[in-house]
Amino acid sequence: MMLRARFRHRGFTLVEMVLSMAVMTVLLGGIASSMILASRAVPDLETPLKAMADGYHAADGLASELFASQTITSRSATVVEFTVADRNADAIAETIRYAWDGVAGQPLNRQYNGGTAGAVLDNVYQFDLRYDTQSISGQVKVTVVHITIRAGADATSRVDTSVQLLNQPS
């Protein structure tokens, strides 16, 4: 009698094993499907929404620097170069240049004080600057700059903004 009680709980029965495997399969299937759904919910880095946000960021940076410009030294539809007040305490005005080479898919570059040009925005398909001028005290001065940027992998994200210049540079 004592021998029988000792070997009674040696392992799991076949029914217990099959049942536990079925429960584990359901649990693992649920975890796998939730992982797949979560991976689909992560935004793609090349979405039109991201391209538009990047375009707004680039246009905002350009507009804020143009707002405080003192002189515009070079301007065209795809290039603007201007000076702003001294920012690094060397008593010399800073020169900033924004340029796009006009080739679709190329970046919009920003150059500071003649240094290396760095990309402000990638995948640019349109960078267009228009200038409103006004004769003030016998001099033609730029009063408003209209900025249009179209960017992104699908080139459908468009940003339009205008900036009225504080100092009305010539």
C-alpha atoms as a PDB file:
ATOM      1  CA  MET A   1       0.000   0.000   0.000  1.00  0.00           C
ATOM      2  CA  MET A   2       2.761   2.389   0.779  1.00  0.00           C
ATOM      3  CA  LEU A   3       4.528   1.588  -2.459  1.00  0.00           C
ATOM      4  CA  ARG A   4       1.471   2.512  -4.497  1.00  0.00           C
ATOM      5  CA  ALA A   5       1.109   5.965  -2.852  1.00  0.00           C
ATOM      6  CA  ARG A   6       4.738   6.790  -3.545  1.00  0.00           C
ATOM      7  CA  PHE A   7       4.481   6.409  -7.357  1.00  0.00           C
ATOM      8  CA  ARG A   8       1.073   7.959  -7.752  1.00  0.00           C
ATOM      9  CA  HIS A   9       2.244  11.539  -8.761  1.00  0.00           C
ATOM     10  CA  ARG A  10       5.172  10.780 -11.086  1.00  0.00           C
ATOM     11  CA  GLY A  11       4.157  13.045 -14.019  1.00  0.00           C
ATOM     12  CA  PHE A  12       1.427  14.570 -16.151  1.00  0.00           C
ATOM     13  CA  THR A  13      -1.165  12.554 -17.966  1.00  0.00           C
ATOM     14  CA  LEU A  14      -1.549  12.766 -21.728  1.00  0.00           C
ATOM     15  CA  VAL A  15      -4.769  14.728 -21.358  1.00  0.00           C
ATOM     16  CA  GLU A  16      -3.059  17.319 -19.122  1.00  0.00           C
ATOM     17  CA  MET A  17      -0.202  17.735 -21.599  1.00  0.00           C
ATOM     18  CA  VAL A  18      -2.523  18.201 -24.598  1.00  0.00           C
ATOM     19  CA  LEU A  19      -4.679  20.661 -22.679  1.00  0.00           C
ATOM     20  CA  SER A  20      -1.684  22.744 -21.523  1.00  0.00           C
ATOM     21  CA  MET A  21      -0.260  22.789 -25.077  1.00  0.00           C
ATOM     22  CA  ALA A  22      -3.606  24.010 -26.425  1.00  0.00           C
ATOM     23  CA  VAL A  23      -3.736  26.817 -23.854  1.00  0.00           C
ATOM     24  CA  MET A  24      -0.130  27.816 -24.642  1.00  0.00           C
ATOM     25  CA  THR A  25      -0.871  27.832 -28.390  1.00  0.00           C
ATOM     26  CA  VAL A  26      -3.802  30.200 -27.896  1.00  0.00           C
ATOM     27  CA  LEU A  27      -1.703  32.482 -25.670  1.00  0.00           C
ATOM     28  CA  LEU A  28       1.253  32.562 -28.065  1.00  0.00           C
ATOM     29  CA  GLY A  29      -1.066  33.185 -31.021  1.00  0.00           C
ATOM     30  CA  GLY A  30      -2.585  36.165 -29.223  1.00  0.00           C
ATOM     31  CA  ILE A  31       0.843  37.578 -28.365  1.00  0.00           C
ATOM     32  CA  ALA A  32       2.074  37.119 -31.945  1.00  0.00           C
ATOM     33  CA  SER A  33      -0.971  38.830 -33.450  1.00  0.00           C
ATOM     34  CA  SER A  34      -0.644  41.750 -31.024  1.00  0.00           C
ATOM     35  CA  MET A  35       3.032  42.119 -32.004  1.00  0.00           C
ATOM     36  CA  ILE A  36       2.087  42.187 -35.691  1.00  0.00           C
ATOM     37  CA  LEU A  37      -0.597  44.819 -35.081  1.00  0.00           C
ATOM     38  CA  ALA A  38       1.806  46.917 -32.997  1.00  0.00           C
ATOM     39  CA  SER A  39       4.462  46.822 -35.725  1.00  0.00           C
ATOM     40  CA  ARG A  40       1.918  48.035 -38.281  1.00  0.00           C
ATOM     41  CA  ALA A  41       0.929  50.919 -36.006  1.00  0.00           C
ATOM     42  CA  VAL A  42       4.467  52.364 -35.960  1.00  0.00           C
ATOM     43  CA  PRO A  43       4.551  55.264 -38.421  1.00  0.00           C
ATOM     44  CA  ASP A  44       6.685  54.964 -41.513  1.00  0.00           C
ATOM     45  CA  LEU A  45       9.535  57.463 -41.642  1.00  0.00           C
ATOM     46  CA  GLU A  46       8.697  58.414 -45.233  1.00  0.00           C
ATOM     47  CA  THR A  47       5.046  59.324 -44.775  1.00  0.00           C
ATOM     48  CA  PRO A  48       3.635  62.496 -46.336  1.00  0.00           C
ATOM     49  CA  LEU A  49       2.805  63.762 -42.840  1.00  0.00           C
ATOM     50  CA  LYS A  50       6.463  63.564 -41.772  1.00  0.00           C
ATOM     51  CA  ALA A  51       7.581  65.234 -45.000  1.00  0.00           C
ATOM     52  CA  MET A  52       5.104  68.048 -44.386  1.00  0.00           C
ATOM     53  CA  ALA A  53       6.278  68.472 -40.789  1.00  0.00           C
ATOM     54  CA  ASP A  54       9.899  68.580 -41.963  1.00  0.00           C
ATOM     55  CA  GLY A  55       8.936  71.123 -44.643  1.00  0.00           C
ATOM     56  CA  TYR A  56       7.214  73.332 -42.055  1.00  0.00           C
ATOM     57  CA  HIS A  57      10.278  73.092 -39.822  1.00  0.00           C
ATOM     58  CA  ALA A  58      12.610  74.140 -42.680  1.00  0.00           C
ATOM     59  CA  ALA A  59      10.289  76.977 -43.773  1.00  0.00           C
ATOM     60  CA  ASP A  60       9.940  78.184 -40.194  1.00  0.00           C
ATOM     61  CA  GLY A  61      13.717  78.264 -39.726  1.00  0.00           C
ATOM     62  CA  LEU A  62      14.199  80.215 -42.947  1.00  0.00           C
ATOM     63  CA  ALA A  63      11.344  82.589 -42.148  1.00  0.00           C
ATOM     64  CA  SER A  64      12.587  83.349 -38.639  1.00  0.00           C
ATOM     65  CA  GLU A  65      16.087  84.124 -39.919  1.00  0.00           C
ATOM     66  CA  LEU A  66      14.757  86.208 -42.815  1.00  0.00           C
ATOM     67  CA  PHE A  67      12.525  88.152 -40.445  1.00  0.00           C
ATOM     68  CA  ALA A  68      15.595  89.610 -38.711  1.00  0.00           C
ATOM     69  CA  SER A  69      17.749  90.022 -41.824  1.00  0.00           C
ATOM     70  CA  GLN A  70      19.636  93.270 -42.238  1.00  0.00           C
ATOM     71  CA  THR A  71      20.603  93.018 -45.913  1.00  0.00           C
ATOM     72  CA  ILE A  72      19.819  90.565 -48.684  1.00  0.00           C
ATOM     73  CA  THR A  73      23.036  90.128 -50.633  1.00  0.00           C
ATOM     74  CA  SER A  74      21.792  87.602 -53.205  1.00  0.00           C
ATOM     75  CA  ARG A  75      18.313  86.498 -54.180  1.00  0.00           C
ATOM     76  CA  SER A  76      16.733  84.310 -56.815  1.00  0.00           C
ATOM     77  CA  ALA A  77      13.923  81.775 -57.008  1.00  0.00           C
ATOM     78  CA  THR A  78      16.069  79.029 -55.434  1.00  0.00           C
ATOM     79  CA  VAL A  79      18.755  80.935 -53.481  1.00  0.00           C
ATOM     80  CA  VAL A  80      18.675  83.606 -50.819  1.00  0.00           C
ATOM     81  CA  GLU A  81      21.722  84.974 -49.033  1.00  0.00           C
ATOM     82  CA  PHE A  82      21.410  87.587 -46.320  1.00  0.00           C
ATOM     83  CA  THR A  83      23.090  89.022 -43.272  1.00  0.00           C
ATOM     84  CA  VAL A  84      21.767  89.090 -39.736  1.00  0.00           C
ATOM     85  CA  ALA A  85      23.040  90.907 -36.660  1.00  0.00           C
ATOM     86  CA  ASP A  86      26.155  89.586 -34.926  1.00  0.00           C
ATOM     87  CA  ARG A  87      25.393  86.323 -33.108  1.00  0.00           C
ATOM     88  CA  ASN A  88      28.829  85.249 -31.910  1.00  0.00           C
ATOM     89  CA  ALA A  89      30.123  88.476 -30.346  1.00  0.00           C
ATOM     90  CA  ASP A  90      32.811  89.177 -32.953  1.00  0.00           C
ATOM     91  CA  ALA A  91      31.240  92.501 -34.034  1.00  0.00           C
ATOM     92  CA  ILE A  92      30.703  91.167 -37.584  1.00  0.00           C
ATOM     93  CA  ALA A  93      27.284  90.475 -39.065  1.00  0.00           C
ATOM     94  CA  GLU A  94      26.574  86.802 -39.817  1.00  0.00           C
ATOM     95  CA  THR A  95      25.947  85.634 -43.391  1.00  0.00           C
ATOM     96  CA  ILE A  96      23.336  82.926 -43.989  1.00  0.00           C
ATOM     97  CA  ARG A  97      22.625  81.282 -47.330  1.00  0.00           C
ATOM     98  CA  TYR A  98      19.763  78.934 -48.220  1.00  0.00           C
ATOM     99  CA  ALA A  99      20.088  77.216 -51.598  1.00  0.00           C
ATOM    100  CA  TRP A 100      18.551  74.415 -53.589  1.00  0.00           C
ATOM    101  CA  ASP A 101      20.209  73.280 -56.812  1.00  0.00           C
ATOM    102  CA  GLY A 102      16.889  72.828 -58.626  1.00  0.00           C
ATOM    103  CA  VAL A 103      17.207  69.061 -59.078  1.00  0.00           C
ATOM    104  CA  ALA A 104      14.229  67.058 -57.807  1.00  0.00           C
ATOM    105  CA  GLY A 105      15.054  64.921 -54.797  1.00  0.00           C
ATOM    106  CA  GLN A 106      18.084  66.984 -53.746  1.00  0.00           C
ATOM    107  CA  PRO A 107      18.311  68.647 -50.319  1.00  0.00           C
ATOM    108  CA  LEU A 108      17.729  72.247 -49.327  1.00  0.00           C
ATOM    109  CA  ASN A 109      21.036  73.440 -47.879  1.00  0.00           C
ATOM    110  CA  ARG A 110      21.884  76.112 -45.316  1.00  0.00           C
ATOM    111  CA  GLN A 111      25.319  77.669 -45.151  1.00  0.00           C
ATOM    112  CA  TYR A 112      26.437  79.801 -42.212  1.00  0.00           C
ATOM    113  CA  ASN A 113      29.286  82.329 -42.556  1.00  0.00           C
ATOM    114  CA  GLY A 114      30.728  80.604 -45.610  1.00  0.00           C
ATOM    115  CA  GLY A 115      31.151  77.287 -43.786  1.00  0.00           C
ATOM    116  CA  THR A 116      30.122  73.869 -45.004  1.00  0.00           C
ATOM    117  CA  ALA A 117      26.579  73.718 -46.337  1.00  0.00           C
ATOM    118  CA  GLY A 118      24.330  71.377 -44.381  1.00  0.00           C
ATOM    119  CA  ALA A 119      21.029  69.872 -45.435  1.00  0.00           C
ATOM    120  CA  VAL A 120      18.007  71.471 -43.792  1.00  0.00           C
ATOM    121  CA  LEU A 121      15.509  69.313 -45.685  1.00  0.00           C
ATOM    122  CA  ASP A 122      15.956  66.191 -47.817  1.00  0.00           C
ATOM    123  CA  ASN A 123      13.959  65.110 -50.883  1.00  0.00           C
ATOM    124  CA  VAL A 124      13.043  68.615 -52.039  1.00  0.00           C
ATOM    125  CA  TYR A 125      11.043  68.761 -55.262  1.00  0.00           C
ATOM    126  CA  GLN A 126      10.297  72.472 -55.248  1.00  0.00           C
ATOM    127  CA  PHE A 127      11.868  75.393 -53.434  1.00  0.00           C
ATOM    128  CA  ASP A 128      10.519  78.660 -54.703  1.00  0.00           C
ATOM    129  CA  LEU A 129      11.124  82.120 -53.299  1.00  0.00           C
ATOM    130  CA  ARG A 130       9.201  85.179 -54.457  1.00  0.00           C
ATOM    131  CA  TYR A 131       9.997  88.662 -53.280  1.00  0.00           C
ATOM    132  CA  ASP A 132       7.691  91.637 -52.820  1.00  0.00           C
ATOM    133  CA  THR A 133       9.578  94.908 -53.121  1.00  0.00           C
ATOM    134  CA  GLN A 134       8.634  98.464 -52.339  1.00  0.00           C
ATOM    135  CA  SER A 135      10.309 101.797 -53.009  1.00  0.00           C
ATOM    136  CA  ILE A 136      11.161 103.326 -49.654  1.00  0.00           C
ATOM    137  CA  SER A 137      13.016 106.662 -49.564  1.00  0.00           C
ATOM    138  CA  GLY A 138      14.060 106.209 -53.174  1.00  0.00           C
ATOM    139  CA  GLN A 139      15.477 102.706 -52.579  1.00  0.00           C
ATOM    140  CA  VAL A 140      13.901  99.434 -53.655  1.00  0.00           C
ATOM    141  CA  LYS A 141      13.572  97.271 -50.554  1.00  0.00           C
ATOM    142  CA  VAL A 142      12.371  93.712 -50.059  1.00  0.00           C
ATOM    143  CA  THR A 143       9.382  93.777 -47.751  1.00  0.00           C
ATOM    144  CA  VAL A 144       7.906  90.265 -47.997  1.00  0.00           C
ATOM    145  CA  VAL A 145       9.356  86.887 -48.975  1.00  0.00           C
ATOM    146  CA  HIS A 146       6.971  84.117 -50.067  1.00  0.00           C
ATOM    147  CA  ILE A 147       8.339  80.613 -49.500  1.00  0.00           C
ATOM    148  CA  THR A 148       7.040  77.464 -51.198  1.00  0.00           C
ATOM    149  CA  ILE A 149       8.510  74.051 -50.409  1.00  0.00           C
ATOM    150  CA  ARG A 150       7.380  70.718 -51.828  1.00  0.00           C
ATOM    151  CA  ALA A 151       9.172  67.728 -50.330  1.00  0.00           C
ATOM    152  CA  GLY A 152       8.934  64.054 -49.400  1.00  0.00           C
ATOM    153  CA  ALA A 153       9.357  60.750 -51.173  1.00  0.00           C
ATOM    154  CA  ASP A 154       6.073  61.236 -53.064  1.00  0.00           C
ATOM    155  CA  ALA A 155       6.554  65.026 -53.534  1.00  0.00           C
ATOM    156  CA  THR A 156       2.968  65.757 -52.473  1.00  0.00           C
ATOM    157  CA  SER A 157       3.741  67.549 -49.199  1.00  0.00           C
ATOM    158  CA  ARG A 158       3.613  71.271 -49.852  1.00  0.00           C
ATOM    159  CA  VAL A 159       4.303  74.144 -47.477  1.00  0.00           C
ATOM    160  CA  ASP A 160       3.517  77.771 -48.323  1.00  0.00           C
ATOM    161  CA  THR A 161       4.379  80.627 -46.024  1.00  0.00           C
ATOM    162  CA  SER A 162       5.249  84.303 -46.191  1.00  0.00           C
ATOM    163  CA  VAL A 163       7.418  86.418 -43.973  1.00  0.00           C
ATOM    164  CA  GLN A 164       7.309  90.173 -43.655  1.00  0.00           C
ATOM    165  CA  LEU A 165      10.831  91.432 -43.119  1.00  0.00           C
ATOM    166  CA  LEU A 166      11.500  93.469 -40.027  1.00  0.00           C
ATOM    167  CA  ASN A 167      14.266  95.687 -41.400  1.00  0.00           C
ATOM    168  CA  GLN A 168      13.162  95.907 -45.052  1.00  0.00           C
ATOM    169  CA  PRO A 169      16.629  95.089 -46.425  1.00  0.00           C
ATOM    170  CA  SER A 170      17.666  96.208 -49.879  1.00  0.00           C
END
